[in-house]
Amino acid sequence: MSTSTPAHQQVDELWAAVSHGDEIAATAVLLAALDDGLPAERVLIDVIAPVQQKVGEEWAANRITVAQEHAATAINDRALAALSHRYAAHTADARGKVLVACVDEEWHGLPARLVAEVLRLRGWRVDYLGAQVPTEHLIAHIHQTGPDLVALSSSIPTRLPLAHAAITAVQATGTPVLVGGAAFGPHGQYARLLGADAWAPDAAAAADRLERSPLPRPVPAHQPIDDLPHLADQEYTLVARTRTDLVRTVMGSLTDRFPAMADYTAAQRKRTAEDVAHIVDFLATALYVNDPDLYTRFLTWTAHVLTARGVPARSLIPALEILGEELKDFDRAAAVLRQATDHLTGAEQKNTTDPRTAS
């Protein structure tokens, strides 16, 4: 087998195993790839990572359920553990000690696990703490164990305020921070904004960055507000604090703006309320990082997810309009909502007039 090309066959075999809930078969695929000569790092990056990405894509396309997505992820993680036991005895331990963890409330642990495993293969001694690590416990662990650096992972942008607090707290101990994960933006723009010492788009890039040069020890002398002076307008704080009231207001007015909701079942109304809560949470996050594009990207993705579930994407526009009316005196929030509404309206009009999408 050539190890210079992506392992397409193993990806297909692993996907078949995890999608059918077959942990034994999934483990066998990974161990066979290792036995056939595919380096362990390539198994992690070219087999496990693409399959995990496919799990998310299949859920978004409504081809697997939430339960199936969780089961597939759990099997992937356990098969990875079996793989790790096979190569663990052959890894070096010379570069230093790195602590790898997910930020508080971030439950997507597999990306961080991949980083931990790749770093271990590259010769680091790794202390992997897993998903959802509260910042106060992270800091206590740093004081107890003294790592050379901390690698923080987050996949969900709404965790960025918590990530910012964690970055600042870790740096206050004199420990440098490398961050990664989809939450930090397509090009790592939010990592830089929040003051991280380094950013990497994936596990291999993280290991490569640390091999190029050590991260400098941070100077623990600043506060998070120093990184984000736009927060002085209090818009983020006010939206975050009134989240429950905003969701209640939108749900109370939405039936009048979107009459189809009158026929929703209790379960459908519950899911709609959850969607509205996400809409408010992402608005708060866009205000935190001062980036309307974050919000527009989220709503574009949400529109695709809703469409896959048979809910018209135009149902998002009334919710945005109601929020805009409630927040009309918030200049930045109003601008964020206008941009997103204009984008969705334009996309809806295009889909209506495009003969390829017309019914």
Protein backbone atom coordinates (compact mmCIF):
# COMPACT_ATOMS: atom_id res chain seq x y z
CA MET A 1 0.00 0.00 0.00
CA SER A 2 1.27 3.48 -0.79
CA THR A 3 1.39 5.72 2.26
CA SER A 4 1.67 8.93 0.19
CA THR A 5 -2.00 9.06 -0.81
CA PRO A 6 -5.15 9.35 1.32
CA ALA A 7 -6.36 6.00 2.63
CA HIS A 8 -9.69 6.02 0.74
CA GLN A 9 -10.36 2.32 1.22
CA GLN A 10 -9.83 2.50 4.98
CA VAL A 11 -12.04 5.59 5.19
CA ASP A 12 -14.85 3.73 3.44
CA GLU A 13 -14.39 0.67 5.63
CA LEU A 14 -14.27 2.67 8.86
CA TRP A 15 -17.35 4.67 7.86
CA ALA A 16 -19.23 1.46 7.13
CA ALA A 17 -18.28 0.12 10.56
CA VAL A 18 -19.13 3.20 12.63
CA SER A 19 -22.34 3.89 10.72
CA HIS A 20 -23.52 0.37 11.53
CA GLY A 21 -22.49 0.63 15.17
CA ASP A 22 -19.83 -2.08 14.81
CA GLU A 23 -17.01 -1.23 17.20
CA ILE A 24 -15.16 -4.50 16.61
CA ALA A 25 -15.08 -3.93 12.85
CA ALA A 26 -14.02 -0.30 13.31
CA THR A 27 -11.12 -1.31 15.52
CA ALA A 28 -10.11 -4.03 13.06
CA VAL A 29 -9.98 -1.51 10.20
CA LEU A 30 -7.60 0.77 12.08
CA LEU A 31 -5.33 -2.01 13.31
CA ALA A 32 -5.20 -3.56 9.84
CA ALA A 33 -4.20 -0.22 8.33
CA LEU A 34 -1.37 0.00 10.87
CA ASP A 35 -0.31 -3.59 10.17
CA ASP A 36 -0.34 -2.92 6.42
CA GLY A 37 2.24 -0.19 6.83
CA LEU A 38 0.23 3.00 7.07
CA PRO A 39 2.02 5.15 9.67
CA ALA A 40 0.04 5.71 12.84
CA GLU A 41 -0.16 9.47 12.29
CA ARG A 42 -1.61 8.95 8.83
CA VAL A 43 -4.20 6.54 10.25
CA LEU A 44 -5.25 9.28 12.67
CA ILE A 45 -5.32 12.10 10.11
CA ASP A 46 -6.24 10.35 6.85
CA VAL A 47 -8.69 7.76 8.20
CA ILE A 48 -10.20 8.69 11.55
CA ALA A 49 -10.45 12.47 11.01
CA PRO A 50 -12.25 12.26 7.61
CA VAL A 51 -14.71 9.71 8.98
CA GLN A 52 -15.49 11.92 11.95
CA GLN A 53 -16.04 14.85 9.60
CA LYS A 54 -18.42 12.68 7.58
CA VAL A 55 -20.35 11.85 10.74
CA GLY A 56 -21.09 15.55 11.20
CA GLU A 57 -21.95 16.05 7.56
CA GLU A 58 -24.37 13.11 7.56
CA TRP A 59 -26.13 14.50 10.63
CA ALA A 60 -26.41 17.95 9.06
CA ALA A 61 -27.88 16.39 5.91
CA ASN A 62 -30.46 14.54 8.06
CA ARG A 63 -29.21 11.15 6.95
CA ILE A 64 -28.38 10.02 10.50
CA THR A 65 -30.01 10.89 13.81
CA VAL A 66 -28.44 12.63 16.79
CA ALA A 67 -28.27 9.26 18.56
CA GLN A 68 -26.53 7.67 15.59
CA GLU A 69 -24.10 10.59 15.42
CA HIS A 70 -23.24 10.13 19.09
CA ALA A 71 -22.86 6.37 18.69
CA ALA A 72 -20.59 6.75 15.65
CA THR A 73 -18.42 9.27 17.49
CA ALA A 74 -18.15 7.01 20.54
CA ILE A 75 -17.11 4.05 18.39
CA ASN A 76 -14.54 6.17 16.58
CA ASP A 77 -13.13 7.26 19.93
CA ARG A 78 -12.93 3.74 21.35
CA ALA A 79 -11.36 2.37 18.17
CA LEU A 80 -8.81 5.20 18.36
CA ALA A 81 -8.01 4.12 21.93
CA ALA A 82 -7.34 0.58 20.75
CA LEU A 83 -5.06 1.94 18.04
CA SER A 84 -3.25 4.08 20.60
CA HIS A 85 -2.52 1.05 22.76
CA ARG A 86 -0.88 -0.64 19.77
CA TYR A 87 1.63 2.12 19.05
CA ALA A 88 2.02 3.66 22.53
CA ALA A 89 5.03 1.53 23.43
CA HIS A 90 6.94 2.88 20.42
CA THR A 91 6.49 6.62 21.07
CA ALA A 92 9.34 8.77 22.32
CA ASP A 93 9.26 11.17 25.26
CA ALA A 94 11.80 13.90 24.68
CA ARG A 95 10.22 17.17 23.58
CA GLY A 96 8.46 18.21 26.77
CA LYS A 97 5.05 18.05 28.38
CA VAL A 98 1.86 19.39 26.81
CA LEU A 99 -1.58 19.54 28.40
CA VAL A 100 -4.43 19.02 25.90
CA ALA A 101 -8.03 19.86 26.82
CA CYS A 102 -11.31 21.17 25.49
CA VAL A 103 -12.56 24.50 26.80
CA ASP A 104 -15.41 24.59 29.27
CA GLU A 105 -18.78 23.44 27.82
CA GLU A 106 -17.11 22.06 24.66
CA TRP A 107 -18.25 18.45 24.37
CA HIS A 108 -16.62 17.62 21.01
CA GLY A 109 -13.63 15.80 22.43
CA LEU A 110 -12.40 13.80 19.44
CA PRO A 111 -10.54 16.67 17.69
CA ALA A 112 -8.59 17.31 20.90
CA ARG A 113 -7.94 13.58 21.23
CA LEU A 114 -6.45 13.52 17.73
CA VAL A 115 -4.16 16.42 18.65
CA ALA A 116 -3.07 14.57 21.79
CA GLU A 117 -2.30 11.39 19.87
CA VAL A 118 -0.35 13.14 17.10
CA LEU A 119 1.70 15.08 19.64
CA ARG A 120 2.42 11.85 21.49
CA LEU A 121 3.62 10.27 18.26
CA ARG A 122 5.86 13.29 17.66
CA GLY A 123 7.62 12.74 21.00
CA TRP A 124 5.65 14.87 23.47
CA ARG A 125 4.57 13.67 26.87
CA VAL A 126 0.82 14.36 26.73
CA ASP A 127 -1.62 15.00 29.54
CA TYR A 128 -5.06 14.70 27.92
CA LEU A 129 -7.97 15.99 30.01
CA GLY A 130 -10.80 15.44 27.52
CA ALA A 131 -13.99 17.41 26.89
CA GLN A 132 -15.62 20.20 28.91
CA VAL A 133 -12.82 21.17 31.28
CA PRO A 134 -13.88 24.08 33.55
CA THR A 135 -11.25 26.80 33.55
CA GLU A 136 -10.73 26.75 37.32
CA HIS A 137 -9.94 23.02 37.20
CA LEU A 138 -7.67 23.52 34.21
CA ILE A 139 -5.67 26.14 36.10
CA ALA A 140 -5.45 23.99 39.23
CA HIS A 141 -4.11 21.13 37.11
CA ILE A 142 -1.51 23.40 35.53
CA HIS A 143 -0.25 24.42 38.96
CA GLN A 144 -0.08 20.77 40.00
CA THR A 145 1.65 19.39 36.92
CA GLY A 146 3.60 22.27 35.32
CA PRO A 147 3.20 21.62 31.57
CA ASP A 148 5.44 23.37 29.05
CA LEU A 149 2.38 24.48 27.10
CA VAL A 150 -1.39 24.04 26.90
CA ALA A 151 -3.32 23.07 23.76
CA LEU A 152 -6.99 24.08 23.90
CA SER A 153 -9.66 22.85 21.51
CA SER A 154 -13.12 24.20 20.71
CA SER A 155 -15.44 23.34 17.83
CA ILE A 156 -18.45 25.51 18.69
CA PRO A 157 -18.07 29.30 18.20
CA THR A 158 -20.47 30.09 21.05
CA ARG A 159 -17.75 28.80 23.39
CA LEU A 160 -15.37 31.59 22.32
CA PRO A 161 -16.04 33.79 25.39
CA LEU A 162 -15.19 30.80 27.61
CA ALA A 163 -12.16 30.05 25.44
CA HIS A 164 -11.01 33.66 25.87
CA ALA A 165 -11.27 33.37 29.64
CA ALA A 166 -9.33 30.09 29.56
CA ILE A 167 -6.58 31.50 27.32
CA THR A 168 -6.10 34.50 29.60
CA ALA A 169 -6.14 32.38 32.76
CA VAL A 170 -3.62 29.90 31.41
CA GLN A 171 -1.31 32.69 30.27
CA ALA A 172 -1.56 34.22 33.73
CA THR A 173 0.28 31.12 34.98
CA GLY A 174 3.12 31.89 32.57
CA THR A 175 2.15 28.97 30.29
CA PRO A 176 1.80 29.51 26.52
CA VAL A 177 -1.41 28.49 24.76
CA LEU A 178 -1.92 26.89 21.35
CA VAL A 179 -5.55 26.71 20.20
CA GLY A 180 -7.38 24.89 17.43
CA GLY A 181 -10.79 23.79 16.30
CA ALA A 182 -13.56 25.17 14.11
CA ALA A 183 -14.64 27.67 16.76
CA PHE A 184 -11.57 29.81 16.11
CA GLY A 185 -12.56 30.62 12.53
CA PRO A 186 -11.65 29.29 9.09
CA HIS A 187 -8.26 31.00 9.23
CA GLY A 188 -7.73 31.18 12.97
CA GLN A 189 -8.81 34.83 13.09
CA TYR A 190 -10.49 34.49 16.47
CA ALA A 191 -7.42 32.81 17.97
CA ARG A 192 -5.42 35.92 17.20
CA LEU A 193 -8.21 38.19 18.38
CA LEU A 194 -8.43 36.41 21.74
CA GLY A 195 -4.70 36.57 22.32
CA ALA A 196 -3.67 32.92 21.90
CA ASP A 197 0.06 32.38 21.47
CA ALA A 198 -0.45 30.15 18.43
CA TRP A 199 -3.19 28.56 16.32
CA ALA A 200 -3.28 25.43 14.17
CA PRO A 201 -6.04 24.23 11.82
CA ASP A 202 -5.53 20.52 12.58
CA ALA A 203 -3.52 18.02 14.59
CA ALA A 204 -0.62 17.70 12.15
CA ALA A 205 -0.33 21.47 11.81
CA ALA A 206 -0.27 21.79 15.60
CA ALA A 207 2.61 19.34 15.84
CA ASP A 208 4.43 21.04 12.96
CA ARG A 209 4.06 24.45 14.61
CA LEU A 210 5.55 23.21 17.86
CA GLU A 211 8.44 21.57 16.00
CA ARG A 212 9.37 24.82 14.24
CA SER A 213 10.02 26.76 17.45
CA PRO A 214 8.92 26.75 21.08
CA LEU A 215 6.08 29.05 22.08
CA PRO A 216 7.35 32.03 24.07
CA ARG A 217 6.33 32.34 27.69
CA PRO A 218 3.50 34.89 27.89
CA VAL A 219 3.63 38.00 30.02
CA PRO A 220 0.67 37.59 32.45
CA ALA A 221 -0.30 41.24 32.68
CA HIS A 222 -3.46 41.90 30.68
CA GLN A 223 -7.21 41.53 31.09
CA PRO A 224 -9.58 40.08 28.46
CA ILE A 225 -11.18 43.51 27.90
CA ASP A 226 -7.79 44.73 26.69
CA ASP A 227 -8.07 42.32 23.75
CA LEU A 228 -11.62 43.39 22.84
CA PRO A 229 -12.19 47.11 23.45
CA HIS A 230 -15.48 46.98 21.50
CA LEU A 231 -17.02 45.16 24.48
CA ALA A 232 -17.14 48.51 26.26
CA ASP A 233 -20.49 49.21 24.55
CA GLN A 234 -22.03 46.39 26.68
CA GLU A 235 -24.03 44.99 23.75
CA TYR A 236 -22.60 41.51 24.18
CA THR A 237 -23.27 41.55 27.92
CA LEU A 238 -26.84 42.77 27.55
CA VAL A 239 -27.74 40.27 24.82
CA ALA A 240 -26.16 37.40 26.76
CA ARG A 241 -27.91 38.36 29.99
CA THR A 242 -31.35 38.75 28.36
CA ARG A 243 -31.05 35.54 26.32
CA THR A 244 -34.05 33.85 27.95
CA ASP A 245 -36.28 36.90 27.49
CA LEU A 246 -35.21 37.29 23.86
CA VAL A 247 -36.01 33.66 23.09
CA ARG A 248 -39.39 33.99 24.81
CA THR A 249 -40.21 37.16 22.85
CA VAL A 250 -39.29 35.60 19.51
CA MET A 251 -41.32 32.46 20.21
CA GLY A 252 -44.29 34.55 21.34
CA SER A 253 -44.37 36.57 18.12
CA LEU A 254 -43.19 34.00 15.60
CA THR A 255 -46.56 32.37 14.89
CA ASP A 256 -47.95 35.69 13.67
CA ARG A 257 -44.98 36.15 11.32
CA PHE A 258 -44.75 32.50 10.24
CA PRO A 259 -48.32 31.09 10.25
CA ALA A 260 -47.18 27.51 9.52
CA MET A 261 -46.05 27.34 13.15
CA ALA A 262 -49.67 27.25 14.27
CA ASP A 263 -49.80 23.61 13.16
CA TYR A 264 -46.54 22.60 14.85
CA THR A 265 -46.60 19.76 17.35
CA ALA A 266 -45.24 20.25 20.85
CA ALA A 267 -42.02 18.51 19.77
CA GLN A 268 -41.67 20.80 16.75
CA ARG A 269 -42.20 23.88 18.90
CA LYS A 270 -39.55 22.65 21.32
CA ARG A 271 -37.05 22.20 18.48
CA THR A 272 -37.93 25.66 17.18
CA ALA A 273 -37.26 27.17 20.60
CA GLU A 274 -33.89 25.39 20.65
CA ASP A 275 -33.10 26.84 17.21
CA VAL A 276 -34.05 30.33 18.38
CA ALA A 277 -31.81 29.93 21.43
CA HIS A 278 -28.91 29.06 19.12
CA ILE A 279 -29.73 32.11 17.00
CA VAL A 280 -29.49 34.34 20.06
CA ASP A 281 -26.34 32.63 21.33
CA PHE A 282 -24.55 33.08 18.02
CA LEU A 283 -25.65 36.72 17.89
CA ALA A 284 -24.03 37.25 21.29
CA THR A 285 -20.86 35.53 20.06
CA ALA A 286 -20.73 37.67 16.91
CA LEU A 287 -20.93 40.72 19.17
CA TYR A 288 -18.19 39.32 21.40
CA VAL A 289 -15.72 38.95 18.52
CA ASN A 290 -17.19 41.91 16.60
CA ASP A 291 -17.63 39.91 13.39
CA PRO A 292 -20.99 39.92 11.53
CA ASP A 293 -19.63 37.28 9.15
CA LEU A 294 -19.56 34.71 11.95
CA TYR A 295 -23.30 35.15 12.35
CA THR A 296 -23.99 35.02 8.62
CA ARG A 297 -21.97 31.81 8.27
CA PHE A 298 -23.90 30.23 11.14
CA LEU A 299 -27.29 31.14 9.68
CA THR A 300 -26.28 29.93 6.21
CA TRP A 301 -25.36 26.58 7.75
CA THR A 302 -28.57 26.55 9.79
CA ALA A 303 -30.60 27.22 6.65
CA HIS A 304 -29.06 24.14 5.00
CA VAL A 305 -29.77 22.00 8.07
CA LEU A 306 -33.40 23.17 8.24
CA THR A 307 -33.90 22.57 4.52
CA ALA A 308 -32.59 19.01 4.92
CA ARG A 309 -35.24 18.50 7.60
CA GLY A 310 -38.08 19.84 5.47
CA VAL A 311 -38.27 23.23 7.20
CA PRO A 312 -38.12 26.20 4.79
CA ALA A 313 -35.05 28.37 5.30
CA ARG A 314 -37.26 31.47 5.03
CA SER A 315 -38.61 30.62 8.49
CA LEU A 316 -35.40 32.10 9.88
CA ILE A 317 -36.11 35.58 8.53
CA PRO A 318 -39.12 36.39 10.80
CA ALA A 319 -37.07 35.39 13.84
CA LEU A 320 -34.29 37.76 12.77
CA GLU A 321 -36.80 40.53 12.17
CA ILE A 322 -38.27 40.14 15.66
CA LEU A 323 -34.80 40.20 17.19
CA GLY A 324 -33.99 43.30 15.15
CA GLU A 325 -37.04 45.07 16.53
CA GLU A 326 -36.12 44.12 20.10
CA LEU A 327 -32.51 45.27 19.64
CA LYS A 328 -33.10 48.29 17.43
CA ASP A 329 -31.16 50.54 19.81
CA PHE A 330 -28.11 48.25 19.73
CA ASP A 331 -26.07 49.53 16.80
CA ARG A 332 -23.73 46.57 16.37
CA ALA A 333 -26.43 43.96 16.95
CA ALA A 334 -28.75 45.66 14.46
CA ALA A 335 -25.98 45.68 11.84
CA VAL A 336 -25.23 41.99 12.41
CA LEU A 337 -28.92 41.09 12.06
CA ARG A 338 -29.34 43.22 8.91
CA GLN A 339 -26.41 41.56 7.18
CA ALA A 340 -27.66 38.07 7.99
CA THR A 341 -31.24 38.91 6.96
CA ASP A 342 -30.10 40.42 3.67
CA HIS A 343 -27.97 37.35 2.95
CA LEU A 344 -30.78 34.90 3.68
CA THR A 345 -33.31 36.97 1.72
CA GLY A 346 -30.98 37.04 -1.27
CA ALA A 347 -30.39 33.30 -1.08
CA GLU A 348 -34.13 32.66 -0.82
CA GLN A 349 -34.83 34.82 -3.87
CA LYS A 350 -32.11 33.05 -5.85
CA ASN A 351 -33.52 29.63 -4.95
CA THR A 352 -37.00 30.80 -5.97
CA THR A 353 -35.90 32.01 -9.41
CA ASP A 354 -33.23 29.39 -10.15
CA PRO A 355 -34.82 26.78 -12.46
CA ARG A 356 -32.63 24.08 -10.93
CA THR A 357 -34.28 24.57 -7.53
CA ALA A 358 -37.80 25.48 -8.60
CA SER A 359 -40.46 22.86 -7.92
